[in-house]
């Protein structure tokens, strides 16, 4: 994958995550902090940061429970550790962190 392909695919994923968070958690503060960086502040004051990492061609997620890396495989962003799909994993992490159900897949 070229750098421009990665940037395009990563930006599309980040934009979709931003829209899904806004629809699923209207009380959360969801902000695009420039190209390739999304920050979500939950009602309880905790934060999650999702960003693209060009050199590794990955999307990185920093959550209260730890850091996660996602690489594009077979048309989806997959966790490099266990193969979990980006939206499913972020839904699970956000639910645990926010203390309420967050379903980004239904958006």
PDB file of N, CA and C in Angstrom:
ATOM      1  N   UNK A   1       0.856  -1.172   0.000  1.00  0.00           N
ATOM      2  CA  UNK A   1       0.000   0.000   0.000  1.00  0.00           C
ATOM      3  C   UNK A   1       0.904   1.238   0.000  1.00  0.00           C
ATOM      4  N   UNK A   2       0.596   2.169  -0.881  1.00  0.00           N
ATOM      5  CA  UNK A   2       1.390   3.398  -0.920  1.00  0.00           C
ATOM      6  C   UNK A   2       0.986   4.315   0.237  1.00  0.00           C
ATOM      7  N   UNK A   3       1.800   5.313   0.484  1.00  0.00           N
ATOM      8  CA  UNK A   3       1.504   6.258   1.560  1.00  0.00           C
ATOM      9  C   UNK A   3       0.199   6.998   1.293  1.00  0.00           C
ATOM     10  N   UNK A   4      -0.029   7.408   0.053  1.00  0.00           N
ATOM     11  CA  UNK A   4      -1.271   8.131  -0.249  1.00  0.00           C
ATOM     12  C   UNK A   4      -2.494   7.224  -0.115  1.00  0.00           C
ATOM     13  N   UNK A   5      -2.365   5.950  -0.501  1.00  0.00           N
ATOM     14  CA  UNK A   5      -3.472   5.008  -0.306  1.00  0.00           C
ATOM     15  C   UNK A   5      -3.766   4.832   1.180  1.00  0.00           C
ATOM     16  N   UNK A   6      -2.700   4.671   1.966  1.00  0.00           N
ATOM     17  CA  UNK A   6      -2.872   4.529   3.409  1.00  0.00           C
ATOM     18  C   UNK A   6      -3.575   5.752   3.998  1.00  0.00           C
ATOM     19  N   UNK A   7      -3.094   6.937   3.657  1.00  0.00           N
ATOM     20  CA  UNK A   7      -3.691   8.167   4.198  1.00  0.00           C
ATOM     21  C   UNK A   7      -5.161   8.270   3.839  1.00  0.00           C
ATOM     22  N   UNK A   8      -5.510   7.932   2.611  1.00  0.00           N
ATOM     23  CA  UNK A   8      -6.907   7.999   2.177  1.00  0.00           C
ATOM     24  C   UNK A   8      -7.773   7.001   2.944  1.00  0.00           C
ATOM     25  N   UNK A   9      -7.316   5.768   3.054  1.00  0.00           N
ATOM     26  CA  UNK A   9      -8.075   4.737   3.773  1.00  0.00           C
ATOM     27  C   UNK A   9      -8.167   5.041   5.267  1.00  0.00           C
ATOM     28  N   UNK A  10      -7.081   5.512   5.844  1.00  0.00           N
ATOM     29  CA  UNK A  10      -7.081   5.841   7.275  1.00  0.00           C
ATOM     30  C   UNK A  10      -7.995   7.021   7.560  1.00  0.00           C
ATOM     31  N   UNK A  11      -7.961   8.049   6.723  1.00  0.00           N
ATOM     32  CA  UNK A  11      -8.838   9.208   6.919  1.00  0.00           C
ATOM     33  C   UNK A  11     -10.304   8.813   6.798  1.00  0.00           C
ATOM     34  N   UNK A  12     -10.605   7.930   5.854  1.00  0.00           N
ATOM     35  CA  UNK A  12     -11.992   7.461   5.706  1.00  0.00           C
ATOM     36  C   UNK A  12     -12.437   6.728   6.973  1.00  0.00           C
ATOM     37  N   UNK A  13     -11.560   5.900   7.532  1.00  0.00           N
ATOM     38  CA  UNK A  13     -11.895   5.172   8.766  1.00  0.00           C
ATOM     39  C   UNK A  13     -12.068   6.136   9.935  1.00  0.00           C
ATOM     40  N   UNK A  14     -11.181   7.114  10.059  1.00  0.00           N
ATOM     41  CA  UNK A  14     -11.289   8.077  11.156  1.00  0.00           C
ATOM     42  C   UNK A  14     -12.556   8.921  11.026  1.00  0.00           C
ATOM     43  N   UNK A  15     -12.895   9.315   9.823  1.00  0.00           N
ATOM     44  CA  UNK A  15     -14.132  10.090   9.617  1.00  0.00           C
ATOM     45  C   UNK A  15     -15.358   9.254   9.965  1.00  0.00           C
ATOM     46  N   UNK A  16     -15.342   7.987   9.578  1.00  0.00           N
ATOM     47  CA  UNK A  16     -16.467   7.095   9.901  1.00  0.00           C
ATOM     48  C   UNK A  16     -16.565   6.888  11.412  1.00  0.00           C
ATOM     49  N   UNK A  17     -15.426   6.743  12.084  1.00  0.00           N
ATOM     50  CA  UNK A  17     -15.433   6.612  13.546  1.00  0.00           C
ATOM     51  C   UNK A  17     -15.982   7.883  14.198  1.00  0.00           C
ATOM     52  N   UNK A  18     -15.581   9.025  13.704  1.00  0.00           N
ATOM     53  CA  UNK A  18     -16.072  10.295  14.255  1.00  0.00           C
ATOM     54  C   UNK A  18     -17.594  10.375  14.138  1.00  0.00           C
ATOM     55  N   UNK A  19     -18.125  10.071  12.965  1.00  0.00           N
ATOM     56  CA  UNK A  19     -19.582  10.100  12.764  1.00  0.00           C
ATOM     57  C   UNK A  19     -20.279   9.086  13.667  1.00  0.00           C
ATOM     58  N   UNK A  20     -19.705   7.895  13.775  1.00  0.00           N
ATOM     59  CA  UNK A  20     -20.319   6.845  14.598  1.00  0.00           C
ATOM     60  C   UNK A  20     -20.329   7.233  16.070  1.00  0.00           C
ATOM     61  N   UNK A  21     -19.239   7.817  16.561  1.00  0.00           N
ATOM     62  CA  UNK A  21     -19.202   8.274  17.956  1.00  0.00           C
ATOM     63  C   UNK A  21     -20.242   9.367  18.191  1.00  0.00           C
ATOM     64  N   UNK A  22     -20.335  10.326  17.277  1.00  0.00           N
ATOM     65  CA  UNK A  22     -21.294  11.421  17.435  1.00  0.00           C
ATOM     66  C   UNK A  22     -22.725  10.897  17.464  1.00  0.00           C
ATOM     67  N   UNK A  23     -23.018   9.873  16.678  1.00  0.00           N
ATOM     68  CA  UNK A  23     -24.367   9.306  16.645  1.00  0.00           C
ATOM     69  C   UNK A  23     -24.639   8.427  17.865  1.00  0.00           C
ATOM     70  N   UNK A  24     -23.636   7.707  18.313  1.00  0.00           N
ATOM     71  CA  UNK A  24     -23.821   6.741  19.393  1.00  0.00           C
ATOM     72  C   UNK A  24     -23.710   7.361  20.781  1.00  0.00           C
ATOM     73  N   UNK A  25     -22.875   8.381  20.921  1.00  0.00           N
ATOM     74  CA  UNK A  25     -22.636   9.012  22.231  1.00  0.00           C
ATOM     75  C   UNK A  25     -22.755  10.526  22.092  1.00  0.00           C
ATOM     76  N   UNK A  26     -23.964  11.054  22.000  1.00  0.00           N
ATOM     77  CA  UNK A  26     -24.118  12.491  21.786  1.00  0.00           C
ATOM     78  C   UNK A  26     -23.534  13.337  22.916  1.00  0.00           C
ATOM     79  N   UNK A  27     -23.378  12.787  24.118  1.00  0.00           N
ATOM     80  CA  UNK A  27     -22.819  13.549  25.233  1.00  0.00           C
ATOM     81  C   UNK A  27     -21.309  13.616  25.245  1.00  0.00           C
ATOM     82  N   UNK A  28     -20.662  12.794  24.433  1.00  0.00           N
ATOM     83  CA  UNK A  28     -19.198  12.785  24.384  1.00  0.00           C
ATOM     84  C   UNK A  28     -18.695  13.950  23.537  1.00  0.00           C
ATOM     85  N   UNK A  29     -17.508  14.409  23.871  1.00  0.00           N
ATOM     86  CA  UNK A  29     -16.865  15.469  23.102  1.00  0.00           C
ATOM     87  C   UNK A  29     -15.942  14.796  22.089  1.00  0.00           C
ATOM     88  N   UNK A  30     -16.343  14.806  20.830  1.00  0.00           N
ATOM     89  CA  UNK A  30     -15.591  14.147  19.758  1.00  0.00           C
ATOM     90  C   UNK A  30     -14.978  15.237  18.895  1.00  0.00           C
ATOM     91  N   UNK A  31     -13.645  15.220  18.791  1.00  0.00           N
ATOM     92  CA  UNK A  31     -12.970  16.269  18.033  1.00  0.00           C
ATOM     93  C   UNK A  31     -11.911  15.693  17.115  1.00  0.00           C
ATOM     94  N   UNK A  32     -11.951  16.142  15.860  1.00  0.00           N
ATOM     95  CA  UNK A  32     -10.856  15.865  14.934  1.00  0.00           C
ATOM     96  C   UNK A  32      -9.801  16.926  15.224  1.00  0.00           C
ATOM     97  N   UNK A  33      -8.652  16.490  15.662  1.00  0.00           N
ATOM     98  CA  UNK A  33      -7.580  17.409  16.064  1.00  0.00           C
ATOM     99  C   UNK A  33      -6.550  17.543  14.955  1.00  0.00           C
ATOM    100  N   UNK A  34      -7.021  17.768  13.751  1.00  0.00           N
ATOM    101  CA  UNK A  34      -6.125  17.868  12.611  1.00  0.00           C
ATOM    102  C   UNK A  34      -6.151  16.574  11.820  1.00  0.00           C
ATOM    103  N   UNK A  35      -5.415  16.554  10.719  1.00  0.00           N
ATOM    104  CA  UNK A  35      -5.409  15.358   9.882  1.00  0.00           C
ATOM    105  C   UNK A  35      -4.870  14.145  10.652  1.00  0.00           C
ATOM    106  N   UNK A  36      -5.649  13.080  10.613  1.00  0.00           N
ATOM    107  CA  UNK A  36      -5.167  11.834  11.178  1.00  0.00           C
ATOM    108  C   UNK A  36      -5.260  11.687  12.671  1.00  0.00           C
ATOM    109  N   UNK A  37      -6.007  12.554  13.361  1.00  0.00           N
ATOM    110  CA  UNK A  37      -6.082  12.472  14.821  1.00  0.00           C
ATOM    111  C   UNK A  37      -7.505  12.766  15.293  1.00  0.00           C
ATOM    112  N   UNK A  38      -8.039  11.833  16.052  1.00  0.00           N
ATOM    113  CA  UNK A  38      -9.388  11.947  16.605  1.00  0.00           C
ATOM    114  C   UNK A  38      -9.299  11.767  18.113  1.00  0.00           C
ATOM    115  N   UNK A  39      -9.904  12.685  18.853  1.00  0.00           N
ATOM    116  CA  UNK A  39      -9.909  12.588  20.314  1.00  0.00           C
ATOM    117  C   UNK A  39     -11.346  12.556  20.804  1.00  0.00           C
ATOM    118  N   UNK A  40     -11.630  11.590  21.687  1.00  0.00           N
ATOM    119  CA  UNK A  40     -12.966  11.444  22.261  1.00  0.00           C
ATOM    120  C   UNK A  40     -12.843  11.609  23.763  1.00  0.00           C
ATOM    121  N   UNK A  41     -13.598  12.566  24.316  1.00  0.00           N
ATOM    122  CA  UNK A  41     -13.653  12.723  25.765  1.00  0.00           C
ATOM    123  C   UNK A  41     -15.042  12.285  26.216  1.00  0.00           C
ATOM    124  N   UNK A  42     -15.055  11.301  27.110  1.00  0.00           N
ATOM    125  CA  UNK A  42     -16.312  10.751  27.601  1.00  0.00           C
ATOM    126  C   UNK A  42     -16.847  11.599  28.749  1.00  0.00           C
ATOM    127  N   UNK A  43     -18.122  11.399  29.078  1.00  0.00           N
ATOM    128  CA  UNK A  43     -18.759  12.165  30.153  1.00  0.00           C
ATOM    129  C   UNK A  43     -18.027  12.041  31.480  1.00  0.00           C
ATOM    130  N   UNK A  44     -17.335  10.925  31.704  1.00  0.00           N
ATOM    131  CA  UNK A  44     -16.624  10.722  32.962  1.00  0.00           C
ATOM    132  C   UNK A  44     -15.230  11.361  32.977  1.00  0.00           C
ATOM    133  N   UNK A  45     -14.898  12.084  31.906  1.00  0.00           N
ATOM    134  CA  UNK A  45     -13.634  12.809  31.845  1.00  0.00           C
ATOM    135  C   UNK A  45     -12.471  12.028  31.252  1.00  0.00           C
ATOM    136  N   UNK A  46     -12.653  10.735  30.987  1.00  0.00           N
ATOM    137  CA  UNK A  46     -11.572   9.963  30.381  1.00  0.00           C
ATOM    138  C   UNK A  46     -11.537  10.214  28.880  1.00  0.00           C
ATOM    139  N   UNK A  47     -10.383   9.929  28.288  1.00  0.00           N
ATOM    140  CA  UNK A  47     -10.201  10.193  26.861  1.00  0.00           C
ATOM    141  C   UNK A  47      -9.715   8.960  26.122  1.00  0.00           C
ATOM    142  N   UNK A  48     -10.042   8.943  24.852  1.00  0.00           N
ATOM    143  CA  UNK A  48      -9.524   7.945  23.918  1.00  0.00           C
ATOM    144  C   UNK A  48      -8.972   8.734  22.731  1.00  0.00           C
ATOM    145  N   UNK A  49      -7.813   8.330  22.258  1.00  0.00           N
ATOM    146  CA  UNK A  49      -7.200   8.982  21.108  1.00  0.00           C
ATOM    147  C   UNK A  49      -7.010   7.938  20.014  1.00  0.00           C
ATOM    148  N   UNK A  50      -7.433   8.294  18.815  1.00  0.00           N
ATOM    149  CA  UNK A  50      -7.305   7.412  17.659  1.00  0.00           C
ATOM    150  C   UNK A  50      -6.556   8.196  16.591  1.00  0.00           C
ATOM    151  N   UNK A  51      -5.460   7.628  16.105  1.00  0.00           N
ATOM    152  CA  UNK A  51      -4.683   8.349  15.104  1.00  0.00           C
ATOM    153  C   UNK A  51      -4.085   7.403  14.075  1.00  0.00           C
ATOM    154  N   UNK A  52      -3.753   7.983  12.944  1.00  0.00           N
ATOM    155  CA  UNK A  52      -3.066   7.201  11.921  1.00  0.00           C
ATOM    156  C   UNK A  52      -1.565   7.327  12.166  1.00  0.00           C
ATOM    157  N   UNK A  53      -0.857   6.252  11.912  1.00  0.00           N
ATOM    158  CA  UNK A  53       0.597   6.239  12.070  1.00  0.00           C
ATOM    159  C   UNK A  53       1.197   5.817  10.737  1.00  0.00           C
ATOM    160  N   UNK A  54       1.607   6.817   9.962  1.00  0.00           N
ATOM    161  CA  UNK A  54       2.078   6.600   8.598  1.00  0.00           C
ATOM    162  C   UNK A  54       3.250   5.646   8.446  1.00  0.00           C
ATOM    163  N   UNK A  55       4.308   5.805   9.231  1.00  0.00           N
ATOM    164  CA  UNK A  55       5.463   4.920   9.033  1.00  0.00           C
ATOM    165  C   UNK A  55       5.117   3.439   9.161  1.00  0.00           C
ATOM    166  N   UNK A  56       4.210   3.094  10.056  1.00  0.00           N
ATOM    167  CA  UNK A  56       3.818   1.690  10.245  1.00  0.00           C
ATOM    168  C   UNK A  56       2.613   1.309   9.383  1.00  0.00           C
ATOM    169  N   UNK A  57       1.981   2.304   8.728  1.00  0.00           N
ATOM    170  CA  UNK A  57       0.751   2.086   7.961  1.00  0.00           C
ATOM    171  C   UNK A  57      -0.328   1.460   8.836  1.00  0.00           C
ATOM    172  N   UNK A  58      -0.484   2.040  10.031  1.00  0.00           N
ATOM    173  CA  UNK A  58      -1.440   1.525  11.007  1.00  0.00           C
ATOM    174  C   UNK A  58      -2.302   2.646  11.568  1.00  0.00           C
ATOM    175  N   UNK A  59      -3.448   2.271  12.122  1.00  0.00           N
ATOM    176  CA  UNK A  59      -4.262   3.156  12.943  1.00  0.00           C
ATOM    177  C   UNK A  59      -4.015   2.728  14.377  1.00  0.00           C
ATOM    178  N   UNK A  60      -3.688   3.694  15.214  1.00  0.00           N
ATOM    179  CA  UNK A  60      -3.385   3.415  16.617  1.00  0.00           C
ATOM    180  C   UNK A  60      -4.517   3.941  17.489  1.00  0.00           C
ATOM    181  N   UNK A  61      -4.867   3.185  18.520  1.00  0.00           N
ATOM    182  CA  UNK A  61      -5.900   3.564  19.482  1.00  0.00           C
ATOM    183  C   UNK A  61      -5.270   3.554  20.867  1.00  0.00           C
ATOM    184  N   UNK A  62      -5.377   4.693  21.553  1.00  0.00           N
ATOM    185  CA  UNK A  62      -4.929   4.794  22.944  1.00  0.00           C
ATOM    186  C   UNK A  62      -6.172   4.928  23.805  1.00  0.00           C
ATOM    187  N   UNK A  63      -6.425   3.891  24.604  1.00  0.00           N
ATOM    188  CA  UNK A  63      -7.594   3.853  25.475  1.00  0.00           C
ATOM    189  C   UNK A  63      -7.116   3.672  26.913  1.00  0.00           C
ATOM    190  N   UNK A  64      -8.038   3.830  27.839  1.00  0.00           N
ATOM    191  CA  UNK A  64      -7.712   3.653  29.250  1.00  0.00           C
ATOM    192  C   UNK A  64      -7.117   2.268  29.513  1.00  0.00           C
ATOM    193  N   UNK A  65      -7.595   1.275  28.763  1.00  0.00           N
ATOM    194  CA  UNK A  65      -7.137  -0.101  28.972  1.00  0.00           C
ATOM    195  C   UNK A  65      -5.839  -0.435  28.248  1.00  0.00           C
ATOM    196  N   UNK A  66      -5.326   0.485  27.432  1.00  0.00           N
ATOM    197  CA  UNK A  66      -4.049   0.235  26.756  1.00  0.00           C
ATOM    198  C   UNK A  66      -4.025   0.734  25.326  1.00  0.00           C
ATOM    199  N   UNK A  67      -2.953   0.357  24.633  1.00  0.00           N
ATOM    200  CA  UNK A  67      -2.755   0.769  23.252  1.00  0.00           C
ATOM    201  C   UNK A  67      -3.016  -0.379  22.294  1.00  0.00           C
ATOM    202  N   UNK A  68      -3.567  -0.047  21.133  1.00  0.00           N
ATOM    203  CA  UNK A  68      -3.941  -1.047  20.132  1.00  0.00           C
ATOM    204  C   UNK A  68      -3.524  -0.545  18.759  1.00  0.00           C
ATOM    205  N   UNK A  69      -3.041  -1.453  17.920  1.00  0.00           N
ATOM    206  CA  UNK A  69      -2.604  -1.113  16.576  1.00  0.00           C
ATOM    207  C   UNK A  69      -3.438  -1.903  15.576  1.00  0.00           C
ATOM    208  N   UNK A  70      -3.865  -1.237  14.516  1.00  0.00           N
ATOM    209  CA  UNK A  70      -4.698  -1.851  13.488  1.00  0.00           C
ATOM    210  C   UNK A  70      -4.033  -1.676  12.131  1.00  0.00           C
ATOM    211  N   UNK A  71      -3.967  -2.766  11.384  1.00  0.00           N
ATOM    212  CA  UNK A  71      -3.368  -2.776  10.059  1.00  0.00           C
ATOM    213  C   UNK A  71      -4.427  -3.243   9.059  1.00  0.00           C
ATOM    214  N   UNK A  72      -4.388  -2.679   7.876  1.00  0.00           N
ATOM    215  CA  UNK A  72      -5.351  -3.031   6.822  1.00  0.00           C
ATOM    216  C   UNK A  72      -5.050  -4.437   6.300  1.00  0.00           C
ATOM    217  N   UNK A  73      -6.054  -5.319   6.403  1.00  0.00           N
ATOM    218  CA  UNK A  73      -5.922  -6.700   5.917  1.00  0.00           C
ATOM    219  C   UNK A  73      -7.236  -7.126   5.284  1.00  0.00           C
ATOM    220  N   UNK A  74      -7.173  -7.572   4.078  1.00  0.00           N
ATOM    221  CA  UNK A  74      -8.360  -8.067   3.357  1.00  0.00           C
ATOM    222  C   UNK A  74      -9.517  -7.075   3.396  1.00  0.00           C
ATOM    223  N   UNK A  75      -9.195  -5.801   3.225  1.00  0.00           N
ATOM    224  CA  UNK A  75     -10.231  -4.777   3.138  1.00  0.00           C
ATOM    225  C   UNK A  75     -10.757  -4.258   4.464  1.00  0.00           C
ATOM    226  N   UNK A  76     -10.169  -4.702   5.592  1.00  0.00           N
ATOM    227  CA  UNK A  76     -10.614  -4.229   6.903  1.00  0.00           C
ATOM    228  C   UNK A  76      -9.402  -3.859   7.755  1.00  0.00           C
ATOM    229  N   UNK A  77      -9.647  -3.002   8.746  1.00  0.00           N
ATOM    230  CA  UNK A  77      -8.611  -2.658   9.714  1.00  0.00           C
ATOM    231  C   UNK A  77      -8.671  -3.684  10.841  1.00  0.00           C
ATOM    232  N   UNK A  78      -7.572  -4.442  11.030  1.00  0.00           N
ATOM    233  CA  UNK A  78      -7.528  -5.548  11.982  1.00  0.00           C
ATOM    234  C   UNK A  78      -6.460  -5.313  13.047  1.00  0.00           C
ATOM    235  N   UNK A  79      -6.820  -5.634  14.291  1.00  0.00           N
ATOM    236  CA  UNK A  79      -5.895  -5.550  15.416  1.00  0.00           C
ATOM    237  C   UNK A  79      -4.699  -6.459  15.132  1.00  0.00           C
ATOM    238  N   UNK A  80      -3.499  -5.927  15.298  1.00  0.00           N
ATOM    239  CA  UNK A  80      -2.304  -6.700  14.989  1.00  0.00           C
ATOM    240  C   UNK A  80      -2.051  -7.817  16.000  1.00  0.00           C
ATOM    241  N   UNK A  81      -2.739  -7.783  17.141  1.00  0.00           N
ATOM    242  CA  UNK A  81      -2.548  -8.832  18.147  1.00  0.00           C
ATOM    243  C   UNK A  81      -3.529  -9.983  17.984  1.00  0.00           C
ATOM    244  N   UNK A  82      -4.813  -9.659  17.875  1.00  0.00           N
ATOM    245  CA  UNK A  82      -5.797 -10.749  17.869  1.00  0.00           C
ATOM    246  C   UNK A  82      -6.713 -10.753  16.643  1.00  0.00           C
ATOM    247  N   UNK A  83      -6.493  -9.834  15.716  1.00  0.00           N
ATOM    248  CA  UNK A  83      -7.283  -9.817  14.491  1.00  0.00           C
ATOM    249  C   UNK A  83      -8.649  -9.169  14.600  1.00  0.00           C
ATOM    250  N   UNK A  84      -8.974  -8.598  15.773  1.00  0.00           N
ATOM    251  CA  UNK A  84     -10.262  -7.933  15.949  1.00  0.00           C
ATOM    252  C   UNK A  84     -10.443  -6.778  14.975  1.00  0.00           C
ATOM    253  N   UNK A  85     -11.665  -6.582  14.511  1.00  0.00           N
ATOM    254  CA  UNK A  85     -11.975  -5.507  13.563  1.00  0.00           C
ATOM    255  C   UNK A  85     -12.053  -4.173  14.304  1.00  0.00           C
ATOM    256  N   UNK A  86     -11.551  -3.115  13.680  1.00  0.00           N
ATOM    257  CA  UNK A  86     -11.419  -1.784  14.296  1.00  0.00           C
ATOM    258  C   UNK A  86     -12.694  -1.313  14.985  1.00  0.00           C
ATOM    259  N   UNK A  87     -13.825  -1.272  14.289  1.00  0.00           N
ATOM    260  CA  UNK A  87     -15.049  -0.726  14.877  1.00  0.00           C
ATOM    261  C   UNK A  87     -15.558  -1.580  16.028  1.00  0.00           C
ATOM    262  N   UNK A  88     -15.413  -2.902  15.908  1.00  0.00           N
ATOM    263  CA  UNK A  88     -15.849  -3.794  16.988  1.00  0.00           C
ATOM    264  C   UNK A  88     -14.982  -3.605  18.227  1.00  0.00           C
ATOM    265  N   UNK A  89     -13.671  -3.532  18.033  1.00  0.00           N
ATOM    266  CA  UNK A  89     -12.762  -3.360  19.171  1.00  0.00           C
ATOM    267  C   UNK A  89     -12.963  -1.996  19.815  1.00  0.00           C
ATOM    268  N   UNK A  90     -13.061  -0.944  19.014  1.00  0.00           N
ATOM    269  CA  UNK A  90     -13.247   0.392  19.580  1.00  0.00           C
ATOM    270  C   UNK A  90     -14.599   0.485  20.289  1.00  0.00           C
ATOM    271  N   UNK A  91     -15.632  -0.182  19.783  1.00  0.00           N
ATOM    272  CA  UNK A  91     -16.928  -0.221  20.478  1.00  0.00           C
ATOM    273  C   UNK A  91     -16.768  -0.835  21.865  1.00  0.00           C
ATOM    274  N   UNK A  92     -16.049  -1.946  21.927  1.00  0.00           N
ATOM    275  CA  UNK A  92     -15.828  -2.635  23.212  1.00  0.00           C
ATOM    276  C   UNK A  92     -15.010  -1.761  24.169  1.00  0.00           C
ATOM    277  N   UNK A  93     -13.943  -1.162  23.664  1.00  0.00           N
ATOM    278  CA  UNK A  93     -13.102  -0.304  24.505  1.00  0.00           C
ATOM    279  C   UNK A  93     -13.868   0.919  24.997  1.00  0.00           C
ATOM    280  N   UNK A  94     -14.628   1.548  24.098  1.00  0.00           N
ATOM    281  CA  UNK A  94     -15.391   2.740  24.467  1.00  0.00           C
ATOM    282  C   UNK A  94     -16.488   2.394  25.470  1.00  0.00           C
ATOM    283  N   UNK A  95     -17.132   1.254  25.314  1.00  0.00           N
ATOM    284  CA  UNK A  95     -18.173   0.829  26.265  1.00  0.00           C
ATOM    285  C   UNK A  95     -17.581   0.660  27.651  1.00  0.00           C
ATOM    286  N   UNK A  96     -16.435   0.003  27.738  1.00  0.00           N
ATOM    287  CA  UNK A  96     -15.785  -0.203  29.031  1.00  0.00           C
ATOM    288  C   UNK A  96     -15.359   1.128  29.640  1.00  0.00           C
ATOM    289  N   UNK A  97     -14.839   1.996  28.813  1.00  0.00           N
ATOM    290  CA  UNK A  97     -14.330   3.271  29.311  1.00  0.00           C
ATOM    291  C   UNK A  97     -15.454   4.235  29.686  1.00  0.00           C
ATOM    292  N   UNK A  98     -16.508   4.271  28.902  1.00  0.00           N
ATOM    293  CA  UNK A  98     -17.613   5.204  29.151  1.00  0.00           C
ATOM    294  C   UNK A  98     -18.575   4.698  30.219  1.00  0.00           C
ATOM    295  N   UNK A  99     -18.563   3.384  30.467  1.00  0.00           N
ATOM    296  CA  UNK A  99     -19.492   2.817  31.442  1.00  0.00           C
ATOM    297  C   UNK A  99     -20.902   2.681  30.902  1.00  0.00           C
ATOM    298  N   UNK A 100     -21.031   2.647  29.591  1.00  0.00           N
ATOM    299  CA  UNK A 100     -22.327   2.455  28.940  1.00  0.00           C
ATOM    300  C   UNK A 100     -22.086   1.810  27.583  1.00  0.00           C
ATOM    301  N   UNK A 101     -23.129   1.243  27.019  1.00  0.00           N
ATOM    302  CA  UNK A 101     -22.982   0.554  25.742  1.00  0.00           C
ATOM    303  C   UNK A 101     -22.720   1.551  24.619  1.00  0.00           C
ATOM    304  N   UNK A 102     -21.652   1.301  23.891  1.00  0.00           N
ATOM    305  CA  UNK A 102     -21.304   2.097  22.717  1.00  0.00           C
ATOM    306  C   UNK A 102     -21.230   1.128  21.544  1.00  0.00           C
ATOM    307  N   UNK A 103     -22.135   1.271  20.584  1.00  0.00           N
ATOM    308  CA  UNK A 103     -22.180   0.381  19.431  1.00  0.00           C
ATOM    309  C   UNK A 103     -21.886   1.187  18.177  1.00  0.00           C
ATOM    310  N   UNK A 104     -20.632   1.174  17.767  1.00  0.00           N
ATOM    311  CA  UNK A 104     -20.229   1.925  16.582  1.00  0.00           C
ATOM    312  C   UNK A 104     -20.524   1.154  15.301  1.00  0.00           C
ATOM    313  N   UNK A 105     -20.827  -0.125  15.421  1.00  0.00           N
ATOM    314  CA  UNK A 105     -21.110  -0.956  14.256  1.00  0.00           C
ATOM    315  C   UNK A 105     -22.495  -0.694  13.674  1.00  0.00           C
ATOM    316  N   UNK A 106     -23.409  -0.234  14.494  1.00  0.00           N
ATOM    317  CA  UNK A 106     -24.791  -0.018  14.049  1.00  0.00           C
ATOM    318  C   UNK A 106     -24.955   1.317  13.327  1.00  0.00           C
ATOM    319  N   UNK A 107     -23.908   2.059  13.194  1.00  0.00           N
ATOM    320  CA  UNK A 107     -23.995   3.396  12.594  1.00  0.00           C
ATOM    321  C   UNK A 107     -23.626   3.392  11.143  1.00  0.00           C
TER     322      UNK A 107
END
